Amino acid sequence: MSPKMGPPFESFTSWFSRFALPFLPRFSDKIAVVLSGCGVYDGAEVHESAAALAAITRQGFQPVIFAPDKQQAHVVDHNSGQEQAGEKR
């Protein structure tokens, strides 16, 4: 789970939806979202990803989701937080 960021800090998703999205030029109605890995230690965390997609949609843009088509550099055991040597995904 992401660390809590109270005042004067806020999450990137909150900042992006409040300050960046309203001012993006409308060259296109689509915004690319790249998701990789799976979770807080090695990739896109599901709650942050869903919040980013919701913020993009609320501003009237259409999110287009992409993912890399290659092996991860390393795999992390989420129970221990340790990298799993020799694992490929």
Protein backbone atom coordinates (compact mmCIF):
# COMPACT_ATOMS: atom_id res chain seq x y z
CA MET A 1 0.00 0.00 0.00
CA SER A 2 1.18 3.52 -0.75
CA PRO A 3 2.44 5.68 2.08
CA LYS A 4 -0.06 8.27 3.34
CA MET A 5 0.83 11.74 2.17
CA GLY A 6 -0.95 14.36 4.26
CA PRO A 7 -0.58 18.13 4.07
CA PRO A 8 1.48 19.71 2.67
CA PHE A 9 1.96 16.61 0.50
CA GLU A 10 -0.61 14.77 -1.58
CA SER A 11 -0.62 11.71 -3.78
CA PHE A 12 0.60 12.06 -7.34
CA THR A 13 -2.83 10.98 -8.65
CA SER A 14 -4.58 13.72 -6.67
CA TRP A 15 -2.07 16.33 -7.79
CA PHE A 16 -2.24 15.19 -11.42
CA SER A 17 -6.06 15.28 -11.57
CA ARG A 18 -6.26 18.72 -9.92
CA PHE A 19 -3.38 20.57 -11.56
CA ALA A 20 -2.19 18.80 -14.71
CA LEU A 21 -5.19 17.23 -16.46
CA PRO A 22 -7.33 20.39 -16.71
CA PHE A 23 -4.52 22.19 -18.53
CA LEU A 24 -3.41 19.50 -20.96
CA PRO A 25 -3.81 20.64 -24.56
CA ARG A 26 -6.56 18.74 -26.41
CA PHE A 27 -4.50 17.31 -29.28
CA SER A 28 -6.28 14.04 -28.65
CA ASP A 29 -8.97 12.70 -26.35
CA LYS A 30 -6.82 9.68 -25.51
CA ILE A 31 -4.14 9.36 -22.83
CA ALA A 32 -1.74 6.39 -22.71
CA VAL A 33 -1.41 4.64 -19.35
CA VAL A 34 1.48 2.19 -19.03
CA LEU A 35 1.06 -0.50 -16.35
CA SER A 36 3.85 -2.91 -15.46
CA GLY A 37 4.69 -5.34 -12.68
CA CYS A 38 2.15 -6.15 -10.03
CA GLY A 39 2.11 -4.23 -6.81
CA VAL A 40 3.80 -1.88 -4.45
CA TYR A 41 7.27 -3.47 -4.62
CA ASP A 42 7.63 -4.06 -8.34
CA GLY A 43 5.05 -2.27 -10.41
CA ALA A 44 1.69 -0.63 -10.76
CA GLU A 45 -0.35 -0.76 -7.52
CA VAL A 46 -4.03 -1.51 -8.23
CA HIS A 47 -5.54 1.32 -6.16
CA GLU A 48 -3.25 3.97 -7.66
CA SER A 49 -3.88 2.62 -11.16
CA ALA A 50 -7.67 2.66 -10.70
CA ALA A 51 -7.54 6.19 -9.24
CA ALA A 52 -5.44 7.43 -12.16
CA LEU A 53 -7.84 5.88 -14.69
CA ALA A 54 -10.83 7.42 -12.88
CA ALA A 55 -9.17 10.87 -12.83
CA ILE A 56 -8.40 10.67 -16.55
CA THR A 57 -11.99 9.64 -17.33
CA ARG A 58 -13.49 12.39 -15.12
CA GLN A 59 -11.62 15.00 -17.15
CA GLY A 60 -13.21 13.71 -20.36
CA PHE A 61 -10.22 11.80 -21.72
CA GLN A 62 -10.20 8.15 -22.80
CA PRO A 63 -7.43 6.11 -21.12
CA VAL A 64 -5.66 3.63 -23.39
CA ILE A 65 -3.82 0.99 -21.35
CA PHE A 66 -0.47 -0.47 -22.41
CA ALA A 67 1.96 -2.93 -20.82
CA PRO A 68 5.55 -3.87 -21.71
CA ASP A 69 5.95 -7.16 -23.56
CA LYS A 70 9.17 -8.36 -21.90
CA GLN A 71 10.41 -10.16 -18.80
CA GLN A 72 10.54 -8.23 -15.52
CA ALA A 73 14.03 -7.28 -14.35
CA HIS A 74 13.42 -8.99 -10.99
CA VAL A 75 10.63 -10.67 -9.02
CA VAL A 76 9.84 -9.74 -5.41
CA ASP A 77 8.22 -12.02 -2.80
CA HIS A 78 5.54 -9.74 -1.33
CA ASN A 79 5.42 -11.71 1.94
CA SER A 80 9.08 -11.14 2.75
CA GLY A 81 9.87 -8.13 0.56
CA GLN A 82 12.94 -9.95 -0.77
CA GLU A 83 13.94 -10.34 -4.40
CA GLN A 84 13.51 -13.92 -5.69
CA ALA A 85 16.76 -14.91 -7.41
CA GLY A 86 16.28 -16.96 -10.55
CA GLU A 87 12.54 -16.20 -10.92
CA LYS A 88 11.34 -14.97 -14.33
CA ARG A 89 7.96 -13.48 -15.19
